[in-house]
Amino acid sequence: MQFKKIKNKKHYIYTVSKWEIKYPNRLLCHWKVGQEGDWVLTDDEHVCQILKRAKYGRTEIVRTICGTFDVNADVSMVAEIPENIYSFSKSNCYKNFKERKDVTSRELLFARYIAKGDNVVTAYLNAYKTENSEYANKRSQSLLKTERIQSMINEEVRKILDEEGVTPNYIIRTFKLVSDLSERDTDKLRALESLAKISGLFDTEKKSEQLTVFAGFTDEQLKAINDGQSKKLAKATKES
C-alpha cells in the first residue's frame, strides 16, 4: 500500500475494496468535488484524502499525496505519489481511461445496473457510492463512450435475455412468425425490416434497395417502400 509521511503522519492510497473495509459507512466523492479532509476517488479508481483545497485568484486547487491539481483544468488524478506533491501535476490519463481494456469492479456494477434498466445517473450513484448527481451524469457519459463498458453492458444484457429464454433464435423465429401470419401489411413490413437488419442487409441506406431487389420487388414496389406507402405496396404485390 502506497503512503507518504507528512509531518510524521502517514497518508495512504487505498484500493476501493480496502478503503471500504477500513471505512465501511463512509461515502466517496470524486476528487474534483471533494472538500478538505474528504476521502475521494481518483480517476483510476483508488482512494486518497484531500489534504488541502484552496482558491488562488481564479484558480482552485486540490492537494493530495498524488500531487496538486487545478480543479478546473483538463487533468486527471492517478494513484501515483510524485516526488513533490506541492507542484502542479500535469498528468492526464484520459487516453488510458478511454483505452483501458480491464473492467474494474465498480465499472462492472455500473454496467449491471444499466443492463437491468437503471438510468445512467442512478447506475453511477449506486455503483460508486457518491451523492453528486451532476458529477455522476458527466462521469457516466464518459464511461458509456468506452468500448469496455459498452461490451460489458451488452454482455450483461445477453445474460438477462438468456435467463428469460430470449435467444437470437427465439427473436428471429418470432419476427418470422409475425411476418408469415400477420394480416396487417404494416406488421409484416416491420417484421421483415427487423429480420433484414438482423441479417445485416440494412448496414447502409442502400441496403434497403438491395433488400427490395433480393425480395423480387418491382421498381413500382420499391418506390412505394421509399414513399412509405404500405397500402400501395400491398396492392402491387397482390397484382404481380
C-alpha atoms as a PDB file:
ATOM      1  CA  MET A   1       0.000   0.000   0.000  1.00  0.00           C
ATOM      2  CA  GLN A   2       1.440   3.357  -1.029  1.00  0.00           C
ATOM      3  CA  PHE A   3       1.838   6.102   1.559  1.00  0.00           C
ATOM      4  CA  LYS A   4       3.663   9.355   2.137  1.00  0.00           C
ATOM      5  CA  LYS A   5       4.705  10.676   5.511  1.00  0.00           C
ATOM      6  CA  ILE A   6       3.953  14.365   6.083  1.00  0.00           C
ATOM      7  CA  LYS A   7       4.843  15.901   9.434  1.00  0.00           C
ATOM      8  CA  ASN A   8       5.309  12.418  10.909  1.00  0.00           C
ATOM      9  CA  LYS A   9       1.843  11.296   9.780  1.00  0.00           C
ATOM     10  CA  LYS A  10       1.348   8.605   7.175  1.00  0.00           C
ATOM     11  CA  HIS A  11      -1.137   9.337   4.396  1.00  0.00           C
ATOM     12  CA  TYR A  12      -2.212   6.325   2.342  1.00  0.00           C
ATOM     13  CA  ILE A  13      -3.553   5.486  -1.083  1.00  0.00           C
ATOM     14  CA  TYR A  14      -6.112   2.679  -0.858  1.00  0.00           C
ATOM     15  CA  THR A  15      -7.805   0.444  -3.353  1.00  0.00           C
ATOM     16  CA  VAL A  16     -11.576   0.912  -3.179  1.00  0.00           C
ATOM     17  CA  SER A  17     -12.086  -2.530  -1.627  1.00  0.00           C
ATOM     18  CA  LYS A  18      -9.517  -1.942   1.134  1.00  0.00           C
ATOM     19  CA  TRP A  19     -10.883   1.516   1.846  1.00  0.00           C
ATOM     20  CA  GLU A  20     -14.401   0.110   2.227  1.00  0.00           C
ATOM     21  CA  ILE A  21     -13.119  -2.424   4.751  1.00  0.00           C
ATOM     22  CA  LYS A  22     -11.479   0.334   6.762  1.00  0.00           C
ATOM     23  CA  TYR A  23     -14.324   2.851   6.411  1.00  0.00           C
ATOM     24  CA  PRO A  24     -17.474   0.780   5.719  1.00  0.00           C
ATOM     25  CA  ASN A  25     -20.015   3.513   6.476  1.00  0.00           C
ATOM     26  CA  ARG A  26     -18.486   6.420   4.571  1.00  0.00           C
ATOM     27  CA  LEU A  27     -19.362   7.716   1.125  1.00  0.00           C
ATOM     28  CA  LEU A  28     -16.850   8.560  -1.566  1.00  0.00           C
ATOM     29  CA  CYS A  29     -16.918  11.502  -3.950  1.00  0.00           C
ATOM     30  CA  HIS A  30     -14.716  12.387  -6.881  1.00  0.00           C
ATOM     31  CA  TRP A  31     -11.590  14.407  -6.119  1.00  0.00           C
ATOM     32  CA  LYS A  32     -12.814  17.413  -8.115  1.00  0.00           C
ATOM     33  CA  VAL A  33     -15.842  17.904  -5.844  1.00  0.00           C
ATOM     34  CA  GLY A  34     -14.396  16.704  -2.529  1.00  0.00           C
ATOM     35  CA  GLN A  35     -13.615  19.130   0.266  1.00  0.00           C
ATOM     36  CA  GLU A  36     -10.595  19.332   2.542  1.00  0.00           C
ATOM     37  CA  GLY A  37     -10.416  16.219   4.703  1.00  0.00           C
ATOM     38  CA  ASP A  38     -12.717  14.165   2.445  1.00  0.00           C
ATOM     39  CA  TRP A  39     -11.751  10.746   1.143  1.00  0.00           C
ATOM     40  CA  VAL A  40     -12.030  10.921  -2.622  1.00  0.00           C
ATOM     41  CA  LEU A  41     -11.928   8.730  -5.688  1.00  0.00           C
ATOM     42  CA  THR A  42      -9.075   9.173  -8.171  1.00  0.00           C
ATOM     43  CA  ASP A  43      -9.605   8.789 -11.900  1.00  0.00           C
ATOM     44  CA  ASP A  44      -8.041   5.315 -11.883  1.00  0.00           C
ATOM     45  CA  GLU A  45     -10.344   4.281  -9.031  1.00  0.00           C
ATOM     46  CA  HIS A  46      -8.172   4.456  -5.961  1.00  0.00           C
ATOM     47  CA  VAL A  47      -8.889   6.372  -2.778  1.00  0.00           C
ATOM     48  CA  CYS A  48      -6.890   9.120  -1.079  1.00  0.00           C
ATOM     49  CA  GLN A  49      -7.611  12.058   1.210  1.00  0.00           C
ATOM     50  CA  ILE A  50      -7.762  15.720   0.265  1.00  0.00           C
ATOM     51  CA  LEU A  51      -5.062  17.460   2.283  1.00  0.00           C
ATOM     52  CA  LYS A  52      -5.853  20.963   1.079  1.00  0.00           C
ATOM     53  CA  ARG A  53      -8.445  22.735  -1.063  1.00  0.00           C
ATOM     54  CA  ALA A  54      -7.989  26.425  -1.726  1.00  0.00           C
ATOM     55  CA  LYS A  55      -8.554  29.237  -4.216  1.00  0.00           C
ATOM     56  CA  TYR A  56      -5.795  31.471  -5.572  1.00  0.00           C
ATOM     57  CA  GLY A  57      -7.488  34.113  -7.692  1.00  0.00           C
ATOM     58  CA  ARG A  58      -9.453  32.220 -10.333  1.00  0.00           C
ATOM     59  CA  THR A  59      -7.543  29.004  -9.752  1.00  0.00           C
ATOM     60  CA  GLU A  60      -8.978  26.422  -7.379  1.00  0.00           C
ATOM     61  CA  ILE A  61      -6.590  23.690  -6.312  1.00  0.00           C
ATOM     62  CA  VAL A  62      -6.790  20.340  -4.584  1.00  0.00           C
ATOM     63  CA  ARG A  63      -3.752  18.743  -2.942  1.00  0.00           C
ATOM     64  CA  THR A  64      -3.412  15.069  -2.064  1.00  0.00           C
ATOM     65  CA  ILE A  65      -0.392  12.815  -1.781  1.00  0.00           C
ATOM     66  CA  CYS A  66      -0.927  12.233  -5.509  1.00  0.00           C
ATOM     67  CA  GLY A  67       0.018  15.868  -6.156  1.00  0.00           C
ATOM     68  CA  THR A  68      -1.556  19.305  -6.564  1.00  0.00           C
ATOM     69  CA  PHE A  69      -4.261  19.699  -9.214  1.00  0.00           C
ATOM     70  CA  ASP A  70      -6.195  22.554 -10.799  1.00  0.00           C
ATOM     71  CA  VAL A  71      -9.834  21.558 -10.277  1.00  0.00           C
ATOM     72  CA  ASN A  72     -10.985  23.286 -13.480  1.00  0.00           C
ATOM     73  CA  ALA A  73      -8.179  22.038 -15.701  1.00  0.00           C
ATOM     74  CA  ASP A  74      -8.406  19.054 -18.032  1.00  0.00           C
ATOM     75  CA  VAL A  75      -6.231  16.820 -15.860  1.00  0.00           C
ATOM     76  CA  SER A  76      -6.717  13.505 -14.130  1.00  0.00           C
ATOM     77  CA  MET A  77      -5.541  12.304 -10.745  1.00  0.00           C
ATOM     78  CA  VAL A  78      -3.959   8.863 -10.695  1.00  0.00           C
ATOM     79  CA  ALA A  79      -2.699   6.775  -7.786  1.00  0.00           C
ATOM     80  CA  GLU A  80       0.953   7.736  -8.020  1.00  0.00           C
ATOM     81  CA  ILE A  81       2.956   9.687  -5.445  1.00  0.00           C
ATOM     82  CA  PRO A  82       5.228  12.275  -7.066  1.00  0.00           C
ATOM     83  CA  GLU A  83       8.465  13.466  -5.502  1.00  0.00           C
ATOM     84  CA  ASN A  84       6.979  16.916  -4.966  1.00  0.00           C
ATOM     85  CA  ILE A  85       3.261  16.942  -4.159  1.00  0.00           C
ATOM     86  CA  TYR A  86       3.248  20.760  -3.999  1.00  0.00           C
ATOM     87  CA  SER A  87       3.877  21.343  -7.699  1.00  0.00           C
ATOM     88  CA  PHE A  88       1.048  21.159 -10.219  1.00  0.00           C
ATOM     89  CA  SER A  89       0.552  17.715 -11.689  1.00  0.00           C
ATOM     90  CA  LYS A  90       0.125  17.692 -15.458  1.00  0.00           C
ATOM     91  CA  SER A  91      -0.812  14.047 -15.737  1.00  0.00           C
ATOM     92  CA  ASN A  92      -3.795  13.408 -17.986  1.00  0.00           C
ATOM     93  CA  CYS A  93      -4.914   9.792 -18.017  1.00  0.00           C
ATOM     94  CA  TYR A  94      -7.990  10.309 -20.198  1.00  0.00           C
ATOM     95  CA  LYS A  95      -6.415   8.304 -23.005  1.00  0.00           C
ATOM     96  CA  ASN A  96      -5.623   5.464 -20.617  1.00  0.00           C
ATOM     97  CA  PHE A  97      -9.109   5.685 -19.135  1.00  0.00           C
ATOM     98  CA  LYS A  98     -10.713   5.505 -22.585  1.00  0.00           C
ATOM     99  CA  GLU A  99      -8.492   2.751 -23.992  1.00  0.00           C
ATOM    100  CA  ARG A 100      -8.108   0.575 -20.894  1.00  0.00           C
ATOM    101  CA  LYS A 101      -9.346  -2.974 -21.508  1.00  0.00           C
ATOM    102  CA  ASP A 102      -9.705  -4.291 -17.951  1.00  0.00           C
ATOM    103  CA  VAL A 103     -13.040  -3.596 -16.263  1.00  0.00           C
ATOM    104  CA  THR A 104     -12.924  -2.596 -12.593  1.00  0.00           C
ATOM    105  CA  SER A 105     -15.405  -3.934 -10.038  1.00  0.00           C
ATOM    106  CA  ARG A 106     -17.172  -0.538  -9.946  1.00  0.00           C
ATOM    107  CA  GLU A 107     -17.468  -0.437 -13.727  1.00  0.00           C
ATOM    108  CA  LEU A 108     -18.916  -3.949 -13.694  1.00  0.00           C
ATOM    109  CA  LEU A 109     -21.557  -2.856 -11.169  1.00  0.00           C
ATOM    110  CA  PHE A 110     -22.320   0.210 -13.301  1.00  0.00           C
ATOM    111  CA  ALA A 111     -22.801  -1.986 -16.390  1.00  0.00           C
ATOM    112  CA  ARG A 112     -25.071  -4.376 -14.480  1.00  0.00           C
ATOM    113  CA  TYR A 113     -27.305  -1.570 -13.207  1.00  0.00           C
ATOM    114  CA  ILE A 114     -27.587  -0.187 -16.758  1.00  0.00           C
ATOM    115  CA  ALA A 115     -28.421  -3.623 -18.149  1.00  0.00           C
ATOM    116  CA  LYS A 116     -31.178  -4.037 -15.564  1.00  0.00           C
ATOM    117  CA  GLY A 117     -32.814  -0.810 -16.678  1.00  0.00           C
ATOM    118  CA  ASP A 118     -31.472   1.899 -14.334  1.00  0.00           C
ATOM    119  CA  ASN A 119     -30.823   5.295 -15.881  1.00  0.00           C
ATOM    120  CA  VAL A 120     -27.148   6.232 -16.167  1.00  0.00           C
ATOM    121  CA  VAL A 121     -27.102   8.641 -13.214  1.00  0.00           C
ATOM    122  CA  THR A 122     -28.787   6.201 -10.840  1.00  0.00           C
ATOM    123  CA  ALA A 123     -26.478   3.422 -12.030  1.00  0.00           C
ATOM    124  CA  TYR A 124     -23.405   5.553 -11.330  1.00  0.00           C
ATOM    125  CA  LEU A 125     -24.637   6.745  -7.932  1.00  0.00           C
ATOM    126  CA  ASN A 126     -25.307   3.159  -6.853  1.00  0.00           C
ATOM    127  CA  ALA A 127     -22.061   1.738  -8.235  1.00  0.00           C
ATOM    128  CA  TYR A 128     -19.708   4.440  -6.980  1.00  0.00           C
ATOM    129  CA  LYS A 129     -21.340   5.382  -3.675  1.00  0.00           C
ATOM    130  CA  THR A 130     -21.450   9.092  -4.343  1.00  0.00           C
ATOM    131  CA  GLU A 131     -24.297  11.577  -3.876  1.00  0.00           C
ATOM    132  CA  ASN A 132     -23.234  14.130  -6.505  1.00  0.00           C
ATOM    133  CA  SER A 133     -25.772  13.714  -9.328  1.00  0.00           C
ATOM    134  CA  GLU A 134     -24.199  16.368 -11.556  1.00  0.00           C
ATOM    135  CA  TYR A 135     -20.806  14.686 -11.469  1.00  0.00           C
ATOM    136  CA  ALA A 136     -22.417  11.236 -11.809  1.00  0.00           C
ATOM    137  CA  ASN A 137     -24.076  12.389 -15.035  1.00  0.00           C
ATOM    138  CA  LYS A 138     -20.801  13.654 -16.541  1.00  0.00           C
ATOM    139  CA  ARG A 139     -18.806  10.644 -15.437  1.00  0.00           C
ATOM    140  CA  SER A 140     -21.379   8.112 -16.604  1.00  0.00           C
ATOM    141  CA  GLN A 141     -21.397   9.678 -20.083  1.00  0.00           C
ATOM    142  CA  SER A 142     -17.613   9.264 -20.241  1.00  0.00           C
ATOM    143  CA  LEU A 143     -17.904   5.622 -19.168  1.00  0.00           C
ATOM    144  CA  LEU A 144     -20.552   4.885 -21.789  1.00  0.00           C
ATOM    145  CA  LYS A 145     -18.184   6.071 -24.533  1.00  0.00           C
ATOM    146  CA  THR A 146     -15.586   3.399 -23.708  1.00  0.00           C
ATOM    147  CA  GLU A 147     -15.527   0.097 -25.546  1.00  0.00           C
ATOM    148  CA  ARG A 148     -15.098  -1.939 -22.350  1.00  0.00           C
ATOM    149  CA  ILE A 149     -18.273  -0.538 -20.781  1.00  0.00           C
ATOM    150  CA  GLN A 150     -20.289  -0.947 -23.994  1.00  0.00           C
ATOM    151  CA  SER A 151     -19.106  -4.554 -24.272  1.00  0.00           C
ATOM    152  CA  MET A 152     -19.848  -5.225 -20.607  1.00  0.00           C
ATOM    153  CA  ILE A 153     -23.382  -3.787 -20.874  1.00  0.00           C
ATOM    154  CA  ASN A 154     -24.039  -5.914 -23.967  1.00  0.00           C
ATOM    155  CA  GLU A 155     -22.758  -8.977 -22.124  1.00  0.00           C
ATOM    156  CA  GLU A 156     -24.943  -8.278 -19.088  1.00  0.00           C
ATOM    157  CA  VAL A 157     -27.991  -7.725 -21.315  1.00  0.00           C
ATOM    158  CA  ARG A 158     -27.305 -11.039 -23.042  1.00  0.00           C
ATOM    159  CA  LYS A 159     -27.167 -12.786 -19.666  1.00  0.00           C
ATOM    160  CA  ILE A 160     -30.538 -11.322 -18.679  1.00  0.00           C
ATOM    161  CA  LEU A 161     -32.070 -12.300 -22.030  1.00  0.00           C
ATOM    162  CA  ASP A 162     -30.680 -15.820 -21.714  1.00  0.00           C
ATOM    163  CA  GLU A 163     -32.212 -16.150 -18.259  1.00  0.00           C
ATOM    164  CA  GLU A 164     -35.578 -15.235 -19.783  1.00  0.00           C
ATOM    165  CA  GLY A 165     -35.109 -17.583 -22.733  1.00  0.00           C
ATOM    166  CA  VAL A 166     -34.827 -14.745 -25.230  1.00  0.00           C
ATOM    167  CA  THR A 167     -32.163 -16.180 -27.525  1.00  0.00           C
ATOM    168  CA  PRO A 168     -31.250 -14.910 -31.019  1.00  0.00           C
ATOM    169  CA  ASN A 169     -33.078 -17.922 -32.464  1.00  0.00           C
ATOM    170  CA  TYR A 170     -36.180 -17.033 -30.474  1.00  0.00           C
ATOM    171  CA  ILE A 171     -36.113 -13.422 -31.685  1.00  0.00           C
ATOM    172  CA  ILE A 172     -35.655 -14.390 -35.338  1.00  0.00           C
ATOM    173  CA  ARG A 173     -38.315 -17.106 -35.103  1.00  0.00           C
ATOM    174  CA  THR A 174     -40.787 -14.647 -33.561  1.00  0.00           C
ATOM    175  CA  PHE A 175     -40.167 -11.995 -36.227  1.00  0.00           C
ATOM    176  CA  LYS A 176     -40.622 -14.627 -38.945  1.00  0.00           C
ATOM    177  CA  LEU A 177     -43.847 -15.821 -37.323  1.00  0.00           C
ATOM    178  CA  VAL A 178     -45.227 -12.264 -37.309  1.00  0.00           C
ATOM    179  CA  SER A 179     -44.189 -11.807 -40.927  1.00  0.00           C
ATOM    180  CA  ASP A 180     -45.823 -15.090 -42.008  1.00  0.00           C
ATOM    181  CA  LEU A 181     -49.064 -14.848 -40.040  1.00  0.00           C
ATOM    182  CA  SER A 182     -49.837 -11.163 -39.607  1.00  0.00           C
ATOM    183  CA  GLU A 183     -52.809  -9.861 -41.568  1.00  0.00           C
ATOM    184  CA  ARG A 184     -51.695  -6.219 -41.453  1.00  0.00           C
ATOM    185  CA  ASP A 185     -49.191  -5.064 -44.069  1.00  0.00           C
ATOM    186  CA  THR A 186     -47.520  -2.683 -41.617  1.00  0.00           C
ATOM    187  CA  ASP A 187     -46.813  -5.514 -39.172  1.00  0.00           C
ATOM    188  CA  LYS A 188     -45.418  -7.673 -41.958  1.00  0.00           C
ATOM    189  CA  LEU A 189     -43.139  -4.872 -43.158  1.00  0.00           C
ATOM    190  CA  ARG A 190     -41.851  -4.104 -39.656  1.00  0.00           C
ATOM    191  CA  ALA A 191     -41.106  -7.775 -39.054  1.00  0.00           C
ATOM    192  CA  LEU A 192     -39.333  -8.057 -42.419  1.00  0.00           C
ATOM    193  CA  GLU A 193     -37.368  -4.883 -41.712  1.00  0.00           C
ATOM    194  CA  SER A 194     -36.251  -6.257 -38.341  1.00  0.00           C
ATOM    195  CA  LEU A 195     -35.188  -9.550 -39.925  1.00  0.00           C
ATOM    196  CA  ALA A 196     -33.304  -7.625 -42.619  1.00  0.00           C
ATOM    197  CA  LYS A 197     -31.462  -5.569 -40.008  1.00  0.00           C
ATOM    198  CA  ILE A 198     -30.532  -8.696 -38.052  1.00  0.00           C
ATOM    199  CA  SER A 199     -29.172 -10.288 -41.226  1.00  0.00           C
ATOM    200  CA  GLY A 200     -27.069  -7.167 -41.976  1.00  0.00           C
ATOM    201  CA  LEU A 201     -28.979  -6.035 -45.033  1.00  0.00           C
ATOM    202  CA  PHE A 202     -29.595  -2.577 -43.562  1.00  0.00           C
ATOM    203  CA  ASP A 203     -25.978  -1.687 -42.746  1.00  0.00           C
ATOM    204  CA  THR A 204     -26.239   1.289 -45.110  1.00  0.00           C
ATOM    205  CA  GLU A 205     -29.087   3.206 -46.692  1.00  0.00           C
ATOM    206  CA  LYS A 206     -28.514   1.401 -49.978  1.00  0.00           C
ATOM    207  CA  LYS A 207     -29.215  -1.889 -48.243  1.00  0.00           C
ATOM    208  CA  SER A 208     -32.938  -1.151 -48.348  1.00  0.00           C
ATOM    209  CA  GLU A 209     -32.738  -1.194 -52.123  1.00  0.00           C
ATOM    210  CA  GLN A 210     -30.764  -4.435 -52.006  1.00  0.00           C
ATOM    211  CA  LEU A 211     -33.482  -5.933 -49.798  1.00  0.00           C
ATOM    212  CA  THR A 212     -36.131  -4.966 -52.339  1.00  0.00           C
ATOM    213  CA  VAL A 213     -34.227  -6.471 -55.252  1.00  0.00           C
ATOM    214  CA  PHE A 214     -33.489  -9.546 -53.158  1.00  0.00           C
ATOM    215  CA  ALA A 215     -37.192  -9.966 -52.412  1.00  0.00           C
ATOM    216  CA  GLY A 216     -38.061  -9.685 -56.099  1.00  0.00           C
ATOM    217  CA  PHE A 217     -39.958  -6.387 -55.858  1.00  0.00           C
ATOM    218  CA  THR A 218     -40.563  -4.268 -58.944  1.00  0.00           C
ATOM    219  CA  ASP A 219     -39.481  -0.632 -59.414  1.00  0.00           C
ATOM    220  CA  GLU A 220     -43.035   0.472 -58.562  1.00  0.00           C
ATOM    221  CA  GLN A 221     -42.927  -1.526 -55.330  1.00  0.00           C
ATOM    222  CA  LEU A 222     -39.527  -0.062 -54.474  1.00  0.00           C
ATOM    223  CA  LYS A 223     -40.904   3.462 -54.916  1.00  0.00           C
ATOM    224  CA  ALA A 224     -43.831   2.536 -52.683  1.00  0.00           C
ATOM    225  CA  ILE A 225     -41.434   1.457 -49.918  1.00  0.00           C
ATOM    226  CA  ASN A 226     -39.369   4.637 -50.216  1.00  0.00           C
ATOM    227  CA  ASP A 227     -42.558   6.738 -50.085  1.00  0.00           C
ATOM    228  CA  GLY A 228     -43.833   4.814 -47.074  1.00  0.00           C
ATOM    229  CA  GLN A 229     -46.948   3.713 -48.990  1.00  0.00           C
ATOM    230  CA  SER A 230     -47.576   0.325 -47.417  1.00  0.00           C
ATOM    231  CA  LYS A 231     -51.050   0.040 -48.948  1.00  0.00           C
ATOM    232  CA  LYS A 232     -49.738   0.715 -52.440  1.00  0.00           C
ATOM    233  CA  LEU A 233     -47.026  -1.862 -51.873  1.00  0.00           C
ATOM    234  CA  ALA A 234     -49.600  -4.434 -50.757  1.00  0.00           C
ATOM    235  CA  LYS A 235     -51.749  -3.750 -53.822  1.00  0.00           C
ATOM    236  CA  ALA A 236     -48.766  -4.027 -56.170  1.00  0.00           C
ATOM    237  CA  THR A 237     -47.717  -7.261 -54.508  1.00  0.00           C
ATOM    238  CA  LYS A 238     -51.146  -8.847 -54.955  1.00  0.00           C
ATOM    239  CA  GLU A 239     -51.316  -7.796 -58.634  1.00  0.00           C
ATOM    240  CA  SER A 240     -47.852  -9.131 -59.515  1.00  0.00           C
END
